[in-house]
Amino acid sequence: MNEPRTLTEAIARLQDKLSGLDWTDQVFGRAAVYEEKLPGQDKGQIKPMVYDPASRDYIDARPSDKYDCVIFFTATAPEKNDWSQEKGFGHAQSHIIRPRRAVTLYGWINLEKFEQFDDGSGFPELIKLDLKQALKTTTGCVASIGDYQDESMKEAFKPFQVSDLDRRYDLWPYACFSLQLTVYTIEKR
């Protein structure tokens, strides 16, 4: 079997596959959810922080001028387990746990940097097709591909908050998107 054993390994496989697309600039792994308290506000602002090996630090993964395109992942629901049995050798039975996890892929792209997507609409359908094709061919970890969202940064990046400073990235040439996935791993006992 070629299934990943952990969620980290499954996301690493997805990272490798998506890094091979000619339009991806940075494909990060799983984001940590960070709440930043802004001066004068009672409630903190939730933002995704990803580990950047180049700077050896966590960086904000929301749209910025730092990169041309960023993709990252979050696990969005608790793990669910499916039990199954396979016949082992002789009289033994080996039990297999197949954990499934809802994962959201988030991304944004500066369309001005990629002429193949710049049709002026701000909603690059070819990105969705490229993502889905790459994910379908990722070895042994994508159980299902769900809803795709590309309406606005505020909608695509839920539950992360968009501040007034971020709103300049909610207009052309920036396009934000998210895609719901279910990934699975395998644990043999």
Protein backbone atom coordinates (compact mmCIF):
# COMPACT_ATOMS: atom_id res chain seq x y z
CA MET A 1 0.00 0.00 0.00
CA ASN A 2 1.14 3.50 -0.75
CA GLU A 3 -1.12 5.54 1.55
CA PRO A 4 0.44 8.11 3.86
CA ARG A 5 0.61 7.23 7.56
CA THR A 6 0.02 10.74 8.98
CA LEU A 7 -1.79 13.93 8.02
CA THR A 8 1.58 15.69 7.79
CA GLU A 9 2.76 13.11 5.24
CA ALA A 10 -0.49 13.44 3.24
CA ILE A 11 -0.15 17.23 3.12
CA ALA A 12 3.53 16.88 2.14
CA ARG A 13 2.45 14.75 -0.85
CA LEU A 14 -0.08 17.40 -1.83
CA GLN A 15 2.60 20.09 -1.49
CA ASP A 16 4.96 18.17 -3.77
CA LYS A 17 2.28 17.65 -6.41
CA LEU A 18 1.09 21.27 -6.38
CA SER A 19 4.67 22.61 -6.41
CA GLY A 20 5.01 20.97 -9.82
CA LEU A 21 2.37 23.25 -11.35
CA ASP A 22 4.01 25.98 -13.44
CA TRP A 23 2.09 28.81 -11.74
CA THR A 24 2.73 28.01 -8.07
CA ASP A 25 5.27 30.24 -6.39
CA GLN A 26 5.09 28.96 -2.79
CA VAL A 27 3.23 25.88 -1.57
CA PHE A 28 3.34 25.72 2.21
CA GLY A 29 2.11 22.98 4.49
CA ARG A 30 -0.41 23.15 7.26
CA ALA A 31 -1.08 26.62 8.65
CA ALA A 32 -1.26 27.43 12.33
CA VAL A 33 -4.20 29.60 13.32
CA TYR A 34 -2.92 32.67 15.11
CA GLU A 35 -4.96 35.35 16.86
CA GLU A 36 -3.37 38.80 16.80
CA LYS A 37 -4.64 41.50 19.11
CA LEU A 38 -4.74 44.82 17.26
CA PRO A 39 -4.43 48.11 19.16
CA GLY A 40 -7.81 49.58 20.06
CA GLN A 41 -9.76 46.39 19.32
CA ASP A 42 -11.31 44.06 21.87
CA LYS A 43 -11.34 41.03 19.63
CA GLY A 44 -8.23 39.55 18.05
CA GLN A 45 -7.78 39.05 14.31
CA ILE A 46 -7.46 35.40 13.24
CA LYS A 47 -4.84 34.83 10.56
CA PRO A 48 -3.04 31.84 9.03
CA MET A 49 0.65 31.51 9.84
CA VAL A 50 2.84 29.11 7.85
CA TYR A 51 6.40 28.05 8.45
CA ASP A 52 8.74 29.49 5.82
CA PRO A 53 11.94 27.42 5.60
CA ALA A 54 13.75 30.26 3.79
CA SER A 55 13.32 32.74 6.65
CA ARG A 56 13.10 30.02 9.35
CA ASP A 57 10.09 31.77 10.81
CA TYR A 58 6.31 31.79 10.65
CA ILE A 59 4.80 34.24 8.17
CA ASP A 60 1.28 35.45 7.46
CA ALA A 61 -0.05 33.46 4.46
CA ARG A 62 -2.70 35.97 3.41
CA PRO A 63 -2.10 37.89 0.16
CA SER A 64 0.88 40.23 0.11
CA ASP A 65 3.51 41.62 -2.23
CA LYS A 66 6.07 39.09 -0.96
CA TYR A 67 5.12 36.27 -3.37
CA ASP A 68 3.25 35.88 -6.68
CA CYS A 69 1.19 32.93 -5.49
CA VAL A 70 0.75 31.10 -2.18
CA ILE A 71 -1.05 27.87 -1.33
CA PHE A 72 -1.44 26.47 2.19
CA PHE A 73 -3.64 23.99 4.07
CA THR A 74 -5.68 23.83 7.27
CA ALA A 75 -7.36 20.84 8.89
CA THR A 76 -10.94 21.96 9.36
CA ALA A 77 -12.69 19.18 11.25
CA PRO A 78 -11.89 16.38 13.68
CA GLU A 79 -10.47 13.14 12.37
CA LYS A 80 -12.95 10.36 11.56
CA ASN A 81 -11.95 6.72 11.55
CA ASP A 82 -13.09 3.81 9.39
CA TRP A 83 -12.21 0.33 10.58
CA SER A 84 -11.69 -2.50 8.16
CA GLN A 85 -10.09 -5.92 8.30
CA GLU A 86 -7.77 -7.55 5.84
CA LYS A 87 -6.91 -11.21 5.85
CA GLY A 88 -3.45 -11.62 7.18
CA PHE A 89 -1.08 -14.51 6.68
CA GLY A 90 -2.23 -17.79 8.21
CA HIS A 91 -4.87 -17.37 10.92
CA ALA A 92 -4.00 -13.80 11.89
CA GLN A 93 -6.12 -10.79 11.04
CA SER A 94 -4.58 -7.35 10.74
CA HIS A 95 -6.76 -4.39 11.61
CA ILE A 96 -6.51 -1.23 9.57
CA ILE A 97 -7.60 2.18 10.74
CA ARG A 98 -8.34 4.61 7.90
CA PRO A 99 -8.52 8.09 9.40
CA ARG A 100 -10.21 10.68 7.20
CA ARG A 101 -9.72 14.39 7.70
CA ALA A 102 -11.43 17.41 6.21
CA VAL A 103 -8.73 19.74 4.90
CA THR A 104 -9.10 23.12 3.24
CA LEU A 105 -6.62 24.27 0.61
CA TYR A 106 -6.33 28.06 0.56
CA GLY A 107 -4.56 30.05 -2.09
CA TRP A 108 -4.12 33.36 -3.78
CA ILE A 109 -2.43 34.46 -6.97
CA ASN A 110 -1.32 37.72 -8.52
CA LEU A 111 -2.89 37.31 -11.97
CA GLU A 112 -0.71 40.04 -13.45
CA LYS A 113 2.33 37.78 -13.01
CA PHE A 114 0.76 34.89 -14.94
CA GLU A 115 -0.45 35.89 -18.40
CA GLN A 116 -2.21 32.56 -19.01
CA PHE A 117 -4.77 33.41 -16.30
CA ASP A 118 -5.20 37.13 -16.92
CA ASP A 119 -8.51 37.32 -18.79
CA GLY A 120 -9.56 40.41 -16.82
CA SER A 121 -12.39 38.62 -15.01
CA GLY A 122 -10.50 38.14 -11.74
CA PHE A 123 -11.87 34.58 -11.44
CA PRO A 124 -9.35 32.26 -13.08
CA GLU A 125 -11.23 29.05 -13.88
CA LEU A 126 -8.06 27.42 -15.24
CA ILE A 127 -6.57 27.47 -11.73
CA LYS A 128 -9.50 25.42 -10.44
CA LEU A 129 -9.08 22.90 -13.25
CA ASP A 130 -5.29 22.64 -12.68
CA LEU A 131 -5.77 22.16 -8.93
CA LYS A 132 -8.42 19.48 -9.29
CA GLN A 133 -6.41 17.58 -11.91
CA ALA A 134 -3.26 17.65 -9.76
CA LEU A 135 -5.17 16.55 -6.66
CA LYS A 136 -6.89 13.68 -8.48
CA THR A 137 -3.51 12.28 -9.45
CA THR A 138 -1.88 12.62 -6.00
CA THR A 139 -0.87 9.15 -4.92
CA GLY A 140 -3.02 7.55 -2.27
CA CYS A 141 -4.35 10.31 -0.06
CA VAL A 142 -7.20 12.38 -1.58
CA ALA A 143 -10.51 10.67 -0.82
CA SER A 144 -12.71 13.42 -2.26
CA ILE A 145 -12.59 16.94 -3.68
CA GLY A 146 -15.37 19.21 -2.49
CA ASP A 147 -16.50 22.80 -2.93
CA TYR A 148 -14.37 25.45 -4.65
CA GLN A 149 -14.75 29.09 -3.56
CA ASP A 150 -13.39 32.10 -5.43
CA GLU A 151 -15.92 34.89 -4.83
CA SER A 152 -13.91 37.27 -2.64
CA MET A 153 -11.04 37.16 -0.20
CA LYS A 154 -13.46 37.47 2.72
CA GLU A 155 -15.47 34.44 1.54
CA ALA A 156 -12.60 32.30 0.24
CA PHE A 157 -10.46 32.80 3.36
CA LYS A 158 -13.13 32.04 5.99
CA PRO A 159 -12.61 31.70 8.99
CA PHE A 160 -9.62 34.06 8.71
CA GLN A 161 -10.42 37.71 9.07
CA VAL A 162 -9.68 40.29 6.45
CA SER A 163 -8.62 43.66 7.79
CA ASP A 164 -8.96 46.99 6.02
CA LEU A 165 -5.29 46.74 5.03
CA ASP A 166 -5.94 43.39 3.36
CA ARG A 167 -8.78 44.74 1.22
CA ARG A 168 -6.36 46.06 -1.41
CA TYR A 169 -5.61 42.40 -2.19
CA ASP A 170 -9.31 41.69 -2.72
CA LEU A 171 -9.24 43.41 -6.11
CA TRP A 172 -7.70 42.60 -9.48
CA PRO A 173 -4.94 41.48 -10.09
CA TYR A 174 -5.23 39.34 -6.93
CA ALA A 175 -7.51 36.32 -6.91
CA CYS A 176 -8.18 34.26 -3.77
CA PHE A 177 -9.59 30.75 -3.69
CA SER A 178 -10.23 27.81 -1.39
CA LEU A 179 -10.99 24.16 -2.04
CA GLN A 180 -12.46 21.60 0.37
CA LEU A 181 -10.75 18.20 0.43
CA THR A 182 -11.04 14.97 2.34
CA VAL A 183 -7.71 13.22 2.78
CA TYR A 184 -7.08 9.85 4.33
CA THR A 185 -4.17 8.10 5.88
CA ILE A 186 -3.67 4.51 6.93
CA GLU A 187 -2.66 3.11 10.29
CA LYS A 188 -1.91 -0.59 10.51
CA ARG A 189 -2.14 -2.34 13.83
